[in-house]
C-alpha atoms as a PDB file:
ATOM      1  CA  MET A   1      -3.278   9.544  -0.587  1.00  0.00           C
ATOM      2  CA  THR A   2      -6.650  11.578   0.688  1.00  0.00           C
ATOM      3  CA  ASP A   3      -9.457  11.403  -2.090  1.00  0.00           C
ATOM      4  CA  ASN A   4      -8.430  15.101  -3.296  1.00  0.00           C
ATOM      5  CA  ALA A   5      -5.055  14.484  -3.568  1.00  0.00           C
ATOM      6  CA  PRO A   6      -2.781  14.733  -7.097  1.00  0.00           C
ATOM      7  CA  ALA A   7      -2.200  10.987  -8.183  1.00  0.00           C
ATOM      8  CA  HIS A   8       0.646  12.930 -10.170  1.00  0.00           C
ATOM      9  CA  HIS A   9       3.496  16.023 -10.218  1.00  0.00           C
ATOM     10  CA  VAL A  10       5.277  17.834 -12.708  1.00  0.00           C
ATOM     11  CA  PHE A  11       7.928  19.627 -11.854  1.00  0.00           C
ATOM     12  CA  GLY A  12      11.125  21.172 -13.494  1.00  0.00           C
ATOM     13  CA  ALA A  13      13.882  23.747 -13.390  1.00  0.00           C
ATOM     14  CA  ASN A  14      16.224  24.788 -16.233  1.00  0.00           C
ATOM     15  CA  GLY A  15      14.611  23.175 -19.140  1.00  0.00           C
ATOM     16  CA  LEU A  16      14.190  19.874 -17.663  1.00  0.00           C
ATOM     17  CA  GLN A  17      10.874  18.587 -16.404  1.00  0.00           C
ATOM     18  CA  SER A  18       9.767  15.775 -14.950  1.00  0.00           C
ATOM     19  CA  ARG A  19       6.834  13.587 -13.362  1.00  0.00           C
ATOM     20  CA  VAL A  20       6.765  11.301 -10.357  1.00  0.00           C
ATOM     21  CA  ALA A  21       3.267   9.422  -9.344  1.00  0.00           C
ATOM     22  CA  ALA A  22       1.803   8.615  -5.987  1.00  0.00           C
ATOM     23  CA  ALA A  23       1.494   5.054  -7.523  1.00  0.00           C
ATOM     24  CA  GLY A  24       4.592   3.401  -6.209  1.00  0.00           C
ATOM     25  CA  ALA A  25       6.277   6.864  -5.683  1.00  0.00           C
ATOM     26  CA  GLU A  26       7.513   6.121  -9.462  1.00  0.00           C
ATOM     27  CA  LEU A  27      10.042   8.429 -11.699  1.00  0.00           C
ATOM     28  CA  GLN A  28       7.548   8.772 -14.705  1.00  0.00           C
ATOM     29  CA  SER A  29       9.098  11.088 -16.786  1.00  0.00           C
ATOM     30  CA  LEU A  30      12.354  12.986 -17.449  1.00  0.00           C
ATOM     31  CA  GLN A  31      12.118  15.194 -20.623  1.00  0.00           C
ATOM     32  CA  ASP A  32      15.343  17.440 -21.392  1.00  0.00           C
ATOM     33  CA  PRO A  33      14.941  20.544 -22.911  1.00  0.00           C
ATOM     34  CA  SER A  34      14.326  19.782 -26.383  1.00  0.00           C
ATOM     35  CA  GLY A  35      10.975  17.755 -24.681  1.00  0.00           C
ATOM     36  CA  PHE A  36      12.331  14.105 -25.650  1.00  0.00           C
ATOM     37  CA  ASP A  37      11.618  11.900 -22.331  1.00  0.00           C
ATOM     38  CA  ARG A  38      15.168  10.217 -21.213  1.00  0.00           C
ATOM     39  CA  VAL A  39      13.085   8.153 -18.879  1.00  0.00           C
ATOM     40  CA  TRP A  40      11.603   4.755 -20.918  1.00  0.00           C
ATOM     41  CA  SER A  41       7.768   4.698 -21.586  1.00  0.00           C
ATOM     42  CA  GLY A  42       6.512   2.652 -23.730  1.00  0.00           C
ATOM     43  CA  ALA A  43       4.338  -0.844 -23.995  1.00  0.00           C
ATOM     44  CA  ALA A  44       6.965  -3.359 -24.137  1.00  0.00           C
ATOM     45  CA  TRP A  45       7.561  -3.026 -20.353  1.00  0.00           C
ATOM     46  CA  PRO A  46       4.821  -0.919 -18.404  1.00  0.00           C
ATOM     47  CA  ARG A  47       7.104   0.367 -15.919  1.00  0.00           C
ATOM     48  CA  HIS A  48       8.955   3.370 -15.445  1.00  0.00           C
ATOM     49  CA  SER A  49      11.284   3.340 -12.233  1.00  0.00           C
ATOM     50  CA  PRO A  50      10.054   1.149  -9.536  1.00  0.00           C
ATOM     51  CA  VAL A  51      11.019   1.578  -6.063  1.00  0.00           C
ATOM     52  CA  LEU A  52      12.351  -1.821  -5.170  1.00  0.00           C
ATOM     53  CA  PHE A  53      11.245  -2.328  -1.532  1.00  0.00           C
ATOM     54  CA  PRO A  54      11.370  -4.017   1.196  1.00  0.00           C
ATOM     55  CA  ILE A  55      13.581  -6.993  -0.955  1.00  0.00           C
ATOM     56  CA  VAL A  56      15.351  -6.789  -4.439  1.00  0.00           C
ATOM     57  CA  GLY A  57      14.287  -9.742  -6.891  1.00  0.00           C
ATOM     58  CA  THR A  58      12.828 -13.173  -5.680  1.00  0.00           C
ATOM     59  CA  LEU A  59      13.277 -14.784  -2.939  1.00  0.00           C
ATOM     60  CA  LYS A  60      13.064 -18.751  -3.200  1.00  0.00           C
ATOM     61  CA  ASP A  61       8.812 -19.939  -3.294  1.00  0.00           C
ATOM     62  CA  ASP A  62       8.403 -16.224  -2.596  1.00  0.00           C
ATOM     63  CA  THR A  63       8.881 -16.585   0.976  1.00  0.00           C
ATOM     64  CA  ALA A  64      10.698 -14.806   3.379  1.00  0.00           C
ATOM     65  CA  LEU A  65      11.151 -17.056   6.815  1.00  0.00           C
ATOM     66  CA  ILE A  66      11.405 -14.279  10.049  1.00  0.00           C
ATOM     67  CA  ASP A  67      11.831 -15.742  13.216  1.00  0.00           C
ATOM     68  CA  GLY A  68      10.939 -19.164  12.246  1.00  0.00           C
ATOM     69  CA  ARG A  69       7.620 -17.684  10.337  1.00  0.00           C
ATOM     70  CA  PRO A  70       6.569 -17.676   6.651  1.00  0.00           C
ATOM     71  CA  TYR A  71       5.725 -14.492   4.880  1.00  0.00           C
ATOM     72  CA  ARG A  72       4.872 -14.451   1.464  1.00  0.00           C
ATOM     73  CA  LEU A  73       6.917 -11.465  -0.329  1.00  0.00           C
ATOM     74  CA  THR A  74       6.702 -11.189  -4.265  1.00  0.00           C
ATOM     75  CA  ARG A  75       9.035  -9.786  -6.870  1.00  0.00           C
ATOM     76  CA  HIS A  76      10.866  -6.723  -5.907  1.00  0.00           C
ATOM     77  CA  GLY A  77       8.503  -6.049  -2.731  1.00  0.00           C
ATOM     78  CA  PHE A  78       5.369  -4.068  -2.393  1.00  0.00           C
ATOM     79  CA  ALA A  79       6.260  -0.402  -2.237  1.00  0.00           C
ATOM     80  CA  ARG A  80       6.101  -0.103  -6.436  1.00  0.00           C
ATOM     81  CA  ASP A  81       2.236  -1.042  -5.995  1.00  0.00           C
ATOM     82  CA  ARG A  82       1.267   0.850  -3.102  1.00  0.00           C
ATOM     83  CA  VAL A  83       0.103   4.507  -2.876  1.00  0.00           C
ATOM     84  CA  PHE A  84       2.838   7.082  -1.727  1.00  0.00           C
ATOM     85  CA  HIS A  85       1.516   9.984   0.681  1.00  0.00           C
ATOM     86  CA  TRP A  86       2.610  13.318  -0.764  1.00  0.00           C
ATOM     87  CA  VAL A  87       4.620  14.904   1.910  1.00  0.00           C
ATOM     88  CA  ASP A  88       5.501  18.085  -0.283  1.00  0.00           C
ATOM     89  CA  ARG A  89       5.168  19.104  -3.272  1.00  0.00           C
ATOM     90  CA  ARG A  90       7.441  22.104  -4.950  1.00  0.00           C
ATOM     91  CA  ALA A  91       8.678  23.623  -8.196  1.00  0.00           C
ATOM     92  CA  ASP A  92      11.597  21.755  -8.626  1.00  0.00           C
ATOM     93  CA  GLY A  93      10.620  18.429  -6.695  1.00  0.00           C
ATOM     94  CA  CYS A  94       8.956  16.498  -4.260  1.00  0.00           C
ATOM     95  CA  THR A  95       8.874  14.383  -1.569  1.00  0.00           C
ATOM     96  CA  LEU A  96       6.442  11.043  -0.297  1.00  0.00           C
ATOM     97  CA  SER A  97       6.607   8.634   1.789  1.00  0.00           C
ATOM     98  CA  ILE A  98       4.644   5.273   3.101  1.00  0.00           C
ATOM     99  CA  SER A  99       4.763   3.352   6.225  1.00  0.00           C
ATOM    100  CA  ASP A 100       4.127  -0.019   7.423  1.00  0.00           C
ATOM    101  CA  ASP A 101       0.172  -0.363   8.226  1.00  0.00           C
ATOM    102  CA  ALA A 102      -1.960  -3.651   8.897  1.00  0.00           C
ATOM    103  CA  ASP A 103      -1.442  -5.205   5.243  1.00  0.00           C
ATOM    104  CA  SER A 104       2.095  -4.646   4.789  1.00  0.00           C
ATOM    105  CA  ARG A 105       2.361  -6.374   8.403  1.00  0.00           C
ATOM    106  CA  ALA A 106       0.523  -9.270   7.273  1.00  0.00           C
ATOM    107  CA  ILE A 107       3.065 -10.338   4.590  1.00  0.00           C
ATOM    108  CA  PHE A 108       5.962  -8.073   6.149  1.00  0.00           C
ATOM    109  CA  PRO A 109       6.163  -8.150  10.151  1.00  0.00           C
ATOM    110  CA  PHE A 110       8.038  -4.908  11.027  1.00  0.00           C
ATOM    111  CA  ARG A 111       7.672  -1.485  11.303  1.00  0.00           C
ATOM    112  CA  PHE A 112       8.960   1.048   8.973  1.00  0.00           C
ATOM    113  CA  VAL A 113       9.028   4.336   7.042  1.00  0.00           C
ATOM    114  CA  LEU A 114      10.182   4.901   3.655  1.00  0.00           C
ATOM    115  CA  THR A 115      10.722   8.522   2.068  1.00  0.00           C
ATOM    116  CA  MET A 116      11.412   9.071  -1.089  1.00  0.00           C
ATOM    117  CA  ASP A 117      12.665  12.887  -2.214  1.00  0.00           C
ATOM    118  CA  TYR A 118      13.235  14.083  -5.861  1.00  0.00           C
ATOM    119  CA  GLN A 119      14.788  17.172  -6.830  1.00  0.00           C
ATOM    120  CA  ILE A 120      16.045  19.157 -10.298  1.00  0.00           C
ATOM    121  CA  THR A 121      19.440  20.899  -9.781  1.00  0.00           C
ATOM    122  CA  GLY A 122      21.041  22.513 -12.718  1.00  0.00           C
ATOM    123  CA  GLN A 123      20.651  19.609 -15.212  1.00  0.00           C
ATOM    124  CA  THR A 124      20.815  16.684 -13.071  1.00  0.00           C
ATOM    125  CA  LEU A 125      17.974  14.628 -11.149  1.00  0.00           C
ATOM    126  CA  HIS A 126      18.314  13.875  -7.360  1.00  0.00           C
ATOM    127  CA  VAL A 127      16.314  10.653  -6.217  1.00  0.00           C
ATOM    128  CA  GLY A 128      16.715  10.395  -2.795  1.00  0.00           C
ATOM    129  CA  TYR A 129      15.736   7.026  -0.086  1.00  0.00           C
ATOM    130  CA  ARG A 130      15.323   7.042   3.472  1.00  0.00           C
ATOM    131  CA  VAL A 131      14.252   4.332   5.244  1.00  0.00           C
ATOM    132  CA  HIS A 132      13.847   4.579   8.921  1.00  0.00           C
ATOM    133  CA  ASN A 133      12.731   2.329  11.634  1.00  0.00           C
ATOM    134  CA  PRO A 134      10.306   3.359  14.293  1.00  0.00           C
ATOM    135  CA  ASP A 135      10.630   0.622  16.027  1.00  0.00           C
ATOM    136  CA  PRO A 136      11.676   1.068  19.754  1.00  0.00           C
ATOM    137  CA  ASP A 137      12.922  -2.615  20.313  1.00  0.00           C
ATOM    138  CA  HIS A 138      13.596  -4.610  17.265  1.00  0.00           C
ATOM    139  CA  VAL A 139      15.659  -4.381  14.322  1.00  0.00           C
ATOM    140  CA  LEU A 140      14.222  -3.483  10.503  1.00  0.00           C
ATOM    141  CA  LEU A 141      15.524  -5.740   7.992  1.00  0.00           C
ATOM    142  CA  ALA A 142      15.078  -5.060   4.755  1.00  0.00           C
ATOM    143  CA  ALA A 143      16.545  -4.411   1.044  1.00  0.00           C
ATOM    144  CA  LEU A 144      16.210  -1.510  -1.262  1.00  0.00           C
ATOM    145  CA  GLY A 145      16.665  -0.993  -4.976  1.00  0.00           C
ATOM    146  CA  ALA A 146      16.315   1.768  -7.465  1.00  0.00           C
ATOM    147  CA  HIS A 147      14.841   0.190 -10.864  1.00  0.00           C
ATOM    148  CA  PRO A 148      14.964   3.443 -13.606  1.00  0.00           C
ATOM    149  CA  ALA A 149      14.651   2.502 -17.509  1.00  0.00           C
ATOM    150  CA  PHE A 150      16.062   5.030 -19.199  1.00  0.00           C
ATOM    151  CA  SER A 151      15.429   5.657 -23.197  1.00  0.00           C
ATOM    152  CA  TRP A 152      17.862   4.061 -25.693  1.00  0.00           C
ATOM    153  CA  PRO A 153      18.580   5.518 -27.453  1.00  0.00           C
ATOM    154  CA  GLN A 154      19.031   8.723 -25.205  1.00  0.00           C
ATOM    155  CA  ARG A 155      18.137  10.666 -28.355  1.00  0.00           C
ATOM    156  CA  PRO A 156      15.723  10.649 -31.320  1.00  0.00           C
ATOM    157  CA  GLY A 157      17.669   9.202 -34.364  1.00  0.00           C
ATOM    158  CA  ALA A 158      20.267   7.614 -32.512  1.00  0.00           C
ATOM    159  CA  ALA A 159      21.704   4.127 -33.287  1.00  0.00           C
ATOM    160  CA  ARG A 160      21.690   1.950 -29.926  1.00  0.00           C
ATOM    161  CA  GLN A 161      24.256   0.004 -31.156  1.00  0.00           C
ATOM    162  CA  ASP A 162      26.896   2.852 -30.813  1.00  0.00           C
ATOM    163  CA  TYR A 163      26.100   3.961 -27.083  1.00  0.00           C
ATOM    164  CA  VAL A 164      28.318   2.066 -24.384  1.00  0.00           C
ATOM    165  CA  LEU A 165      28.345   2.396 -20.262  1.00  0.00           C
ATOM    166  CA  GLU A 166      31.000   3.807 -19.507  1.00  0.00           C
ATOM    167  CA  PHE A 167      32.331   3.254 -15.498  1.00  0.00           C
ATOM    168  CA  GLU A 168      34.338   5.762 -13.443  1.00  0.00           C
ATOM    169  CA  HIS A 169      36.734   2.701 -12.721  1.00  0.00           C
ATOM    170  CA  PRO A 170      37.886  -0.340 -14.561  1.00  0.00           C
ATOM    171  CA  GLU A 171      35.467  -3.296 -13.353  1.00  0.00           C
ATOM    172  CA  PRO A 172      37.364  -6.373 -13.957  1.00  0.00           C
ATOM    173  CA  ALA A 173      35.514  -8.346 -11.067  1.00  0.00           C
ATOM    174  CA  PRO A 174      33.046 -11.401 -12.149  1.00  0.00           C
ATOM    175  CA  ILE A 175      29.893 -10.262 -12.370  1.00  0.00           C
ATOM    176  CA  ARG A 176      26.835 -12.667 -10.925  1.00  0.00           C
ATOM    177  CA  ARG A 177      23.543 -14.151 -12.905  1.00  0.00           C
ATOM    178  CA  ILE A 178      20.258 -15.454 -11.904  1.00  0.00           C
ATOM    179  CA  ALA A 179      17.926 -18.539 -12.865  1.00  0.00           C
ATOM    180  CA  ASP A 180      13.989 -18.542 -12.640  1.00  0.00           C
ATOM    181  CA  GLY A 181      14.901 -15.212 -10.554  1.00  0.00           C
ATOM    182  CA  LEU A 182      17.161 -17.075  -7.949  1.00  0.00           C
ATOM    183  CA  LEU A 183      21.002 -16.107  -7.857  1.00  0.00           C
ATOM    184  CA  LEU A 184      23.129 -18.741  -9.009  1.00  0.00           C
ATOM    185  CA  PRO A 185      26.226 -19.812  -6.899  1.00  0.00           C
ATOM    186  CA  THR A 186      28.560 -19.523 -10.282  1.00  0.00           C
ATOM    187  CA  HIS A 187      30.555 -16.127 -11.118  1.00  0.00           C
ATOM    188  CA  PHE A 188      31.349 -15.174 -14.531  1.00  0.00           C
ATOM    189  CA  PRO A 189      33.704 -13.578 -16.156  1.00  0.00           C
ATOM    190  CA  THR A 190      32.693  -9.526 -16.880  1.00  0.00           C
ATOM    191  CA  PRO A 191      31.955  -8.423 -20.158  1.00  0.00           C
ATOM    192  CA  ILE A 192      33.188  -4.925 -19.287  1.00  0.00           C
ATOM    193  CA  THR A 193      36.619  -4.351 -21.170  1.00  0.00           C
ATOM    194  CA  GLY A 194      38.161  -1.905 -19.029  1.00  0.00           C
ATOM    195  CA  ARG A 195      36.042   1.269 -18.142  1.00  0.00           C
ATOM    196  CA  THR A 196      33.652   0.510 -21.203  1.00  0.00           C
ATOM    197  CA  LEU A 197      30.708  -1.896 -21.559  1.00  0.00           C
ATOM    198  CA  ALA A 198      29.610  -1.837 -24.884  1.00  0.00           C
ATOM    199  CA  LEU A 199      25.558  -2.431 -25.251  1.00  0.00           C
ATOM    200  CA  SER A 200      23.420  -5.010 -27.402  1.00  0.00           C
ATOM    201  CA  ASP A 201      20.144  -7.199 -26.802  1.00  0.00           C
ATOM    202  CA  ASP A 202      22.227 -10.296 -26.447  1.00  0.00           C
ATOM    203  CA  LEU A 203      23.591  -8.940 -23.093  1.00  0.00           C
ATOM    204  CA  PHE A 204      20.651  -9.515 -21.414  1.00  0.00           C
ATOM    205  CA  ILE A 205      19.058 -12.845 -22.851  1.00  0.00           C
ATOM    206  CA  ASP A 206      19.938 -14.561 -19.634  1.00  0.00           C
ATOM    207  CA  ASP A 207      18.476 -11.944 -17.757  1.00  0.00           C
ATOM    208  CA  VAL A 208      20.289  -9.211 -15.749  1.00  0.00           C
ATOM    209  CA  VAL A 209      23.443  -8.371 -15.066  1.00  0.00           C
ATOM    210  CA  ILE A 210      24.635  -8.227 -11.599  1.00  0.00           C
ATOM    211  CA  LEU A 211      27.632  -6.603 -10.470  1.00  0.00           C
ATOM    212  CA  ASP A 212      28.509  -7.188  -6.542  1.00  0.00           C
ATOM    213  CA  GLN A 213      31.946  -6.375  -6.258  1.00  0.00           C
ATOM    214  CA  LEU A 214      31.773  -2.746  -7.739  1.00  0.00           C
ATOM    215  CA  THR A 215      34.526   0.004  -7.584  1.00  0.00           C
ATOM    216  CA  SER A 216      32.670   2.739  -9.098  1.00  0.00           C
ATOM    217  CA  THR A 217      29.866   4.937  -7.896  1.00  0.00           C
ATOM    218  CA  ARG A 218      29.067   6.824 -11.488  1.00  0.00           C
ATOM    219  CA  VAL A 219      28.689   5.087 -15.265  1.00  0.00           C
ATOM    220  CA  ALA A 220      27.960   7.423 -18.249  1.00  0.00           C
ATOM    221  CA  PHE A 221      25.539   6.114 -20.502  1.00  0.00           C
ATOM    222  CA  ARG A 222      26.909   7.628 -24.214  1.00  0.00           C
ATOM    223  CA  ALA A 223      27.066   8.013 -27.291  1.00  0.00           C
ATOM    224  CA  PRO A 224      30.234   8.429 -29.627  1.00  0.00           C
ATOM    225  CA  ASP A 225      29.429  12.510 -29.497  1.00  0.00           C
ATOM    226  CA  GLY A 226      29.067  12.499 -25.406  1.00  0.00           C
ATOM    227  CA  THR A 227      25.415  13.023 -25.481  1.00  0.00           C
ATOM    228  CA  GLY A 228      23.232  10.935 -22.944  1.00  0.00           C
ATOM    229  CA  MET A 229      23.842  10.851 -19.447  1.00  0.00           C
ATOM    230  CA  THR A 230      25.507  10.150 -16.425  1.00  0.00           C
ATOM    231  CA  MET A 231      24.554   7.934 -13.060  1.00  0.00           C
ATOM    232  CA  ALA A 232      25.857   8.888  -9.971  1.00  0.00           C
ATOM    233  CA  TRP A 233      25.100   6.581  -6.630  1.00  0.00           C
ATOM    234  CA  GLN A 234      25.978   6.886  -2.761  1.00  0.00           C
ATOM    235  CA  GLY A 235      24.650   4.269  -0.331  1.00  0.00           C
ATOM    236  CA  PHE A 236      24.246   1.212  -2.752  1.00  0.00           C
ATOM    237  CA  HIS A 237      26.524  -1.533  -2.806  1.00  0.00           C
ATOM    238  CA  GLU A 238      25.880  -3.932  -6.325  1.00  0.00           C
ATOM    239  CA  LEU A 239      24.122  -2.754 -10.075  1.00  0.00           C
ATOM    240  CA  GLY A 240      22.154  -4.254 -11.509  1.00  0.00           C
ATOM    241  CA  LEU A 241      21.647  -4.098 -15.259  1.00  0.00           C
ATOM    242  CA  TRP A 242      18.680  -5.141 -17.545  1.00  0.00           C
ATOM    243  CA  MET A 243      16.706  -4.680 -20.617  1.00  0.00           C
ATOM    244  CA  LYS A 244      14.205  -6.839 -22.489  1.00  0.00           C
ATOM    245  CA  PRO A 245      15.882  -7.540 -25.510  1.00  0.00           C
ATOM    246  CA  GLY A 246      14.182  -5.929 -28.209  1.00  0.00           C
ATOM    247  CA  ALA A 247      12.688  -2.440 -26.151  1.00  0.00           C
ATOM    248  CA  GLY A 248      13.834   0.219 -26.732  1.00  0.00           C
ATOM    249  CA  PHE A 249      15.508   0.933 -23.045  1.00  0.00           C
ATOM    250  CA  LEU A 250      18.475   0.310 -20.387  1.00  0.00           C
ATOM    251  CA  CYS A 251      17.425  -0.489 -16.874  1.00  0.00           C
ATOM    252  CA  ILE A 252      20.659   0.848 -14.417  1.00  0.00           C
ATOM    253  CA  GLU A 253      19.604   0.064 -10.893  1.00  0.00           C
ATOM    254  CA  PRO A 254      21.742   0.774  -8.105  1.00  0.00           C
ATOM    255  CA  TRP A 255      20.531  -2.242  -4.979  1.00  0.00           C
ATOM    256  CA  ARG A 256      21.260  -2.641  -1.383  1.00  0.00           C
ATOM    257  CA  GLY A 257      20.520  -6.052  -1.956  1.00  0.00           C
ATOM    258  CA  LEU A 258      20.160  -9.427  -4.200  1.00  0.00           C
ATOM    259  CA  PRO A 259      17.743 -11.715  -5.091  1.00  0.00           C
ATOM    260  CA  SER A 260      17.870 -15.100  -3.088  1.00  0.00           C
ATOM    261  CA  PRO A 261      20.495 -17.322  -3.588  1.00  0.00           C
ATOM    262  CA  VAL A 262      19.175 -20.655  -5.418  1.00  0.00           C
ATOM    263  CA  ASP A 263      20.266 -22.879  -2.337  1.00  0.00           C
ATOM    264  CA  PHE A 264      19.246 -20.220   0.306  1.00  0.00           C
ATOM    265  CA  SER A 265      16.323 -21.123   2.515  1.00  0.00           C
ATOM    266  CA  GLY A 266      17.710 -20.028   6.150  1.00  0.00           C
ATOM    267  CA  GLU A 267      15.921 -17.001   7.950  1.00  0.00           C
ATOM    268  CA  PHE A 268      15.421 -13.648   6.188  1.00  0.00           C
ATOM    269  CA  SER A 269      17.870 -12.008   8.777  1.00  0.00           C
ATOM    270  CA  GLU A 270      20.993 -14.137   7.312  1.00  0.00           C
ATOM    271  CA  LYS A 271      19.805 -13.773   3.644  1.00  0.00           C
ATOM    272  CA  PRO A 272      22.947 -11.879   1.269  1.00  0.00           C
ATOM    273  CA  GLY A 273      22.439  -8.159   1.347  1.00  0.00           C
ATOM    274  CA  ILE A 274      20.153  -7.396   3.649  1.00  0.00           C
ATOM    275  CA  LEU A 275      19.931  -4.176   5.545  1.00  0.00           C
ATOM    276  CA  HIS A 276      19.728  -4.249   9.670  1.00  0.00           C
ATOM    277  CA  ILE A 277      18.422  -1.332  11.001  1.00  0.00           C
ATOM    278  CA  PRO A 278      18.923  -0.606  14.400  1.00  0.00           C
ATOM    279  CA  PRO A 279      15.995   0.591  16.140  1.00  0.00           C
ATOM    280  CA  LEU A 280      14.813   4.431  15.740  1.00  0.00           C
ATOM    281  CA  GLN A 281      17.856   4.777  13.312  1.00  0.00           C
ATOM    282  CA  ASP A 282      17.265   5.715   9.409  1.00  0.00           C
ATOM    283  CA  TRP A 283      19.174   4.350   6.494  1.00  0.00           C
ATOM    284  CA  THR A 284      19.527   6.658   3.546  1.00  0.00           C
ATOM    285  CA  ALA A 285      21.120   6.180   0.142  1.00  0.00           C
ATOM    286  CA  SER A 286      20.452   8.238  -3.071  1.00  0.00           C
ATOM    287  CA  TRP A 287      20.938   8.365  -6.815  1.00  0.00           C
ATOM    288  CA  SER A 288      21.051  11.018  -9.608  1.00  0.00           C
ATOM    289  CA  VAL A 289      21.081  11.834 -12.938  1.00  0.00           C
ATOM    290  CA  ALA A 290      23.189  14.648 -15.313  1.00  0.00           C
ATOM    291  CA  LEU A 291      22.002  14.864 -19.052  1.00  0.00           C
ATOM    292  CA  LEU A 292      25.065  15.205 -21.256  1.00  0.00           C
END
């Protein structure tokens, strides 16, 4: 980003208004027509919607072993802490990107271009990701995840305990959990009953709930009167659900990747959930939020 490039871009359409920051290409706000912000903005957790790249979660010892050489990669990677370049700023959206440089290659020895696109259409915000491998000779190894935090409740004065997640399909498969940031080998019974997950702070006392055997690609986050939002995703295989107990947000996180298993110490290429993007090829994914 040049010195005179804006730190944020505010855009809107159809009564919605959103703000995206160059820092981390982070979605910071999504105000509905009443002016209520559906995206979290509070002190209990200082972020809003970080981009998780080139890893999701934590690596064992914060270390990726790549061709036998250790590289230090801390939790969720570095994209959320980099300043993105504005590719395009529009009245109803924006596009941003980052690419590898000397600093990134010191901790992640791959060439890459990560492009983020935001667009409001109707009452829906669309968020797109494209990871390009510009290297003609080497496969790009990476993971990518979304981490948007949504206000809970989704409208002023509503009761938090009334909110549920309602999935597109029944989700009977067991869930995964972490300890000290690493994926436990044990599978745990799902807290989802049929298609519905009753939300409470107690769900998250043991950190994130990981759904790694999803059949749904859509979930509604709603109150009994039907107000709230619907989130849909494409290209992602896992879903993380997380909040800081006592805080007024819920993170609904489509992922393509997982934290390291507690007993994994092999090559990064063999880590569960890693993308293998061939030379000169792209990987794309997206999620969207439709307000109810």
